[in-house]
Amino acid sequence: MTQAKLSFYLDESLPTEIASQLKRLNISVVTVRDLNTLGDSDSSHLQRASAMGLVLCSNDADFLELAFDEQARHCGVVVGRPALHTIGDWVHWMVLMHDVYTPEDMVNRVEFVKKPS
């Protein structure tokens, strides 16, 4: 039986190059630019990502408050810091998550981008 793989939703705080690299690796990813939803509220992005079954990825720490809200159910949130994490760091971390976690593993889970060791 084939295990379901993660798919990702990149908000406007992340460079589109991350999506380009993930797509070249056959990892399912959508950006807010793809959806023409630039400028939507963080809450709208999280709700849309969850409705689509996607893990929301952002450099915006405001998503942490939304993710930890007891009323919110989401498909996972990944947060990084633009001053600390490069495009390569994001791609490396997301590929690792894609290979290790299932969509069920990510429900209501928050992950933080880590630099490759």
C-alpha atoms as a PDB file:
ATOM      1  CA  MET A   1       0.000   0.000   0.000  1.00  0.00           C
ATOM      2  CA  THR A   2       1.337   3.430  -0.985  1.00  0.00           C
ATOM      3  CA  GLN A   3       1.536   5.936   1.820  1.00  0.00           C
ATOM      4  CA  ALA A   4      -0.003   9.385   1.229  1.00  0.00           C
ATOM      5  CA  LYS A   5       2.550  12.175   0.868  1.00  0.00           C
ATOM      6  CA  LEU A   6       2.491  15.739   2.136  1.00  0.00           C
ATOM      7  CA  SER A   7       1.559  18.628  -0.108  1.00  0.00           C
ATOM      8  CA  PHE A   8       2.478  22.210   0.702  1.00  0.00           C
ATOM      9  CA  TYR A   9       0.929  25.701   0.590  1.00  0.00           C
ATOM     10  CA  LEU A  10       3.489  28.539   0.479  1.00  0.00           C
ATOM     11  CA  ASP A  11       2.354  31.958   1.626  1.00  0.00           C
ATOM     12  CA  GLU A  12       3.603  35.223   0.176  1.00  0.00           C
ATOM     13  CA  SER A  13       6.490  35.528   2.647  1.00  0.00           C
ATOM     14  CA  LEU A  14       8.388  32.704   0.926  1.00  0.00           C
ATOM     15  CA  PRO A  15      10.320  32.990  -2.333  1.00  0.00           C
ATOM     16  CA  THR A  16       8.642  31.244  -5.271  1.00  0.00           C
ATOM     17  CA  GLU A  17      11.978  29.538  -6.005  1.00  0.00           C
ATOM     18  CA  ILE A  18      11.174  27.141  -3.138  1.00  0.00           C
ATOM     19  CA  ALA A  19       8.048  26.005  -4.996  1.00  0.00           C
ATOM     20  CA  SER A  20       9.980  25.724  -8.266  1.00  0.00           C
ATOM     21  CA  GLN A  21      12.593  23.460  -6.705  1.00  0.00           C
ATOM     22  CA  LEU A  22       9.990  21.295  -4.965  1.00  0.00           C
ATOM     23  CA  LYS A  23       8.023  20.908  -8.212  1.00  0.00           C
ATOM     24  CA  ARG A  24      11.208  19.734  -9.963  1.00  0.00           C
ATOM     25  CA  LEU A  25      11.377  17.019  -7.289  1.00  0.00           C
ATOM     26  CA  ASN A  26       7.741  16.047  -7.987  1.00  0.00           C
ATOM     27  CA  ILE A  27       6.544  17.361  -4.633  1.00  0.00           C
ATOM     28  CA  SER A  28       3.071  18.867  -4.703  1.00  0.00           C
ATOM     29  CA  VAL A  29       3.148  22.544  -3.815  1.00  0.00           C
ATOM     30  CA  VAL A  30       0.932  25.558  -4.427  1.00  0.00           C
ATOM     31  CA  THR A  31       1.687  29.208  -3.748  1.00  0.00           C
ATOM     32  CA  VAL A  32      -0.612  32.100  -2.953  1.00  0.00           C
ATOM     33  CA  ARG A  33       0.516  33.571  -6.268  1.00  0.00           C
ATOM     34  CA  ASP A  34      -0.763  30.439  -8.061  1.00  0.00           C
ATOM     35  CA  LEU A  35      -4.120  30.944  -6.349  1.00  0.00           C
ATOM     36  CA  ASN A  36      -4.268  34.745  -6.838  1.00  0.00           C
ATOM     37  CA  THR A  37      -4.731  35.201  -3.091  1.00  0.00           C
ATOM     38  CA  LEU A  38      -1.881  37.616  -2.364  1.00  0.00           C
ATOM     39  CA  GLY A  39      -2.811  39.910   0.506  1.00  0.00           C
ATOM     40  CA  ASP A  40      -5.433  37.624   2.072  1.00  0.00           C
ATOM     41  CA  SER A  41      -5.442  37.445   5.855  1.00  0.00           C
ATOM     42  CA  ASP A  42      -3.337  34.849   7.654  1.00  0.00           C
ATOM     43  CA  SER A  43      -6.531  33.247   8.905  1.00  0.00           C
ATOM     44  CA  SER A  44      -7.841  32.923   5.339  1.00  0.00           C
ATOM     45  CA  HIS A  45      -4.584  31.353   4.180  1.00  0.00           C
ATOM     46  CA  LEU A  46      -4.621  28.808   7.000  1.00  0.00           C
ATOM     47  CA  GLN A  47      -8.270  27.943   6.387  1.00  0.00           C
ATOM     48  CA  ARG A  48      -7.690  27.594   2.628  1.00  0.00           C
ATOM     49  CA  ALA A  49      -4.598  25.440   3.099  1.00  0.00           C
ATOM     50  CA  SER A  50      -6.493  23.186   5.492  1.00  0.00           C
ATOM     51  CA  ALA A  51      -9.514  22.926   3.189  1.00  0.00           C
ATOM     52  CA  MET A  52      -7.120  21.863   0.414  1.00  0.00           C
ATOM     53  CA  GLY A  53      -5.344  19.361   2.703  1.00  0.00           C
ATOM     54  CA  LEU A  54      -2.049  21.255   2.486  1.00  0.00           C
ATOM     55  CA  VAL A  55       0.660  22.045   5.035  1.00  0.00           C
ATOM     56  CA  LEU A  56       0.999  25.837   5.295  1.00  0.00           C
ATOM     57  CA  CYS A  57       4.590  27.130   5.113  1.00  0.00           C
ATOM     58  CA  SER A  58       5.605  30.664   6.026  1.00  0.00           C
ATOM     59  CA  ASN A  59       8.264  32.985   7.400  1.00  0.00           C
ATOM     60  CA  ASP A  60       5.442  34.770   9.254  1.00  0.00           C
ATOM     61  CA  ALA A  61       5.464  33.903  12.969  1.00  0.00           C
ATOM     62  CA  ASP A  62       1.860  35.156  13.243  1.00  0.00           C
ATOM     63  CA  PHE A  63       0.807  31.723  12.006  1.00  0.00           C
ATOM     64  CA  LEU A  64       2.027  30.246  15.288  1.00  0.00           C
ATOM     65  CA  GLU A  65      -0.748  31.943  17.232  1.00  0.00           C
ATOM     66  CA  LEU A  66      -3.321  30.730  14.716  1.00  0.00           C
ATOM     67  CA  ALA A  67      -1.877  27.212  14.705  1.00  0.00           C
ATOM     68  CA  PHE A  68      -1.969  26.920  18.479  1.00  0.00           C
ATOM     69  CA  ASP A  69      -5.526  28.252  18.740  1.00  0.00           C
ATOM     70  CA  GLU A  70      -7.525  25.434  20.328  1.00  0.00           C
ATOM     71  CA  GLN A  71     -10.446  26.097  17.967  1.00  0.00           C
ATOM     72  CA  ALA A  72      -8.376  25.807  14.804  1.00  0.00           C
ATOM     73  CA  ARG A  73      -7.900  22.494  13.063  1.00  0.00           C
ATOM     74  CA  HIS A  74      -5.256  22.564  10.365  1.00  0.00           C
ATOM     75  CA  CYS A  75      -3.172  20.248   8.205  1.00  0.00           C
ATOM     76  CA  GLY A  76       0.108  21.466   9.658  1.00  0.00           C
ATOM     77  CA  VAL A  77       2.147  24.650   9.798  1.00  0.00           C
ATOM     78  CA  VAL A  78       5.868  25.078   9.097  1.00  0.00           C
ATOM     79  CA  VAL A  79       7.548  28.321  10.137  1.00  0.00           C
ATOM     80  CA  GLY A  80      11.027  29.627   9.414  1.00  0.00           C
ATOM     81  CA  ARG A  81      12.890  32.890   9.898  1.00  0.00           C
ATOM     82  CA  PRO A  82      13.952  34.867   6.825  1.00  0.00           C
ATOM     83  CA  ALA A  83      17.158  36.126   8.462  1.00  0.00           C
ATOM     84  CA  LEU A  84      18.181  32.568   9.352  1.00  0.00           C
ATOM     85  CA  HIS A  85      16.802  30.199   6.694  1.00  0.00           C
ATOM     86  CA  THR A  86      17.823  30.136   3.038  1.00  0.00           C
ATOM     87  CA  ILE A  87      15.849  28.769   0.114  1.00  0.00           C
ATOM     88  CA  GLY A  88      18.052  25.683   0.350  1.00  0.00           C
ATOM     89  CA  ASP A  89      17.216  25.246   4.039  1.00  0.00           C
ATOM     90  CA  TRP A  90      13.498  25.374   3.231  1.00  0.00           C
ATOM     91  CA  VAL A  91      13.779  22.928   0.346  1.00  0.00           C
ATOM     92  CA  HIS A  92      15.904  20.511   2.385  1.00  0.00           C
ATOM     93  CA  TRP A  93      13.477  20.604   5.335  1.00  0.00           C
ATOM     94  CA  MET A  94      10.366  20.239   3.191  1.00  0.00           C
ATOM     95  CA  VAL A  95      11.829  17.299   1.242  1.00  0.00           C
ATOM     96  CA  LEU A  96      12.680  15.622   4.539  1.00  0.00           C
ATOM     97  CA  MET A  97       9.168  16.223   5.892  1.00  0.00           C
ATOM     98  CA  HIS A  98       7.672  14.958   2.619  1.00  0.00           C
ATOM     99  CA  ASP A  99       9.702  11.749   2.916  1.00  0.00           C
ATOM    100  CA  VAL A 100       9.021  11.151   6.627  1.00  0.00           C
ATOM    101  CA  TYR A 101       5.582  12.479   7.593  1.00  0.00           C
ATOM    102  CA  THR A 102       2.141  11.517   6.378  1.00  0.00           C
ATOM    103  CA  PRO A 103      -0.702  14.025   6.132  1.00  0.00           C
ATOM    104  CA  GLU A 104      -2.168  12.425   9.274  1.00  0.00           C
ATOM    105  CA  ASP A 105       1.108  13.043  11.142  1.00  0.00           C
ATOM    106  CA  MET A 106       0.870  16.758  10.389  1.00  0.00           C
ATOM    107  CA  VAL A 107      -2.699  17.406  11.570  1.00  0.00           C
ATOM    108  CA  ASN A 108      -2.497  20.262  14.111  1.00  0.00           C
ATOM    109  CA  ARG A 109       1.299  19.948  14.163  1.00  0.00           C
ATOM    110  CA  VAL A 110       3.751  22.838  14.035  1.00  0.00           C
ATOM    111  CA  GLU A 111       7.278  22.387  12.710  1.00  0.00           C
ATOM    112  CA  PHE A 112      10.163  24.821  12.599  1.00  0.00           C
ATOM    113  CA  VAL A 113      12.631  24.854   9.706  1.00  0.00           C
ATOM    114  CA  LYS A 114      16.015  23.549  10.770  1.00  0.00           C
ATOM    115  CA  LYS A 115      19.347  24.044   9.089  1.00  0.00           C
ATOM    116  CA  PRO A 116      20.767  20.848   7.539  1.00  0.00           C
ATOM    117  CA  SER A 117      23.467  19.286   9.694  1.00  0.00           C
END
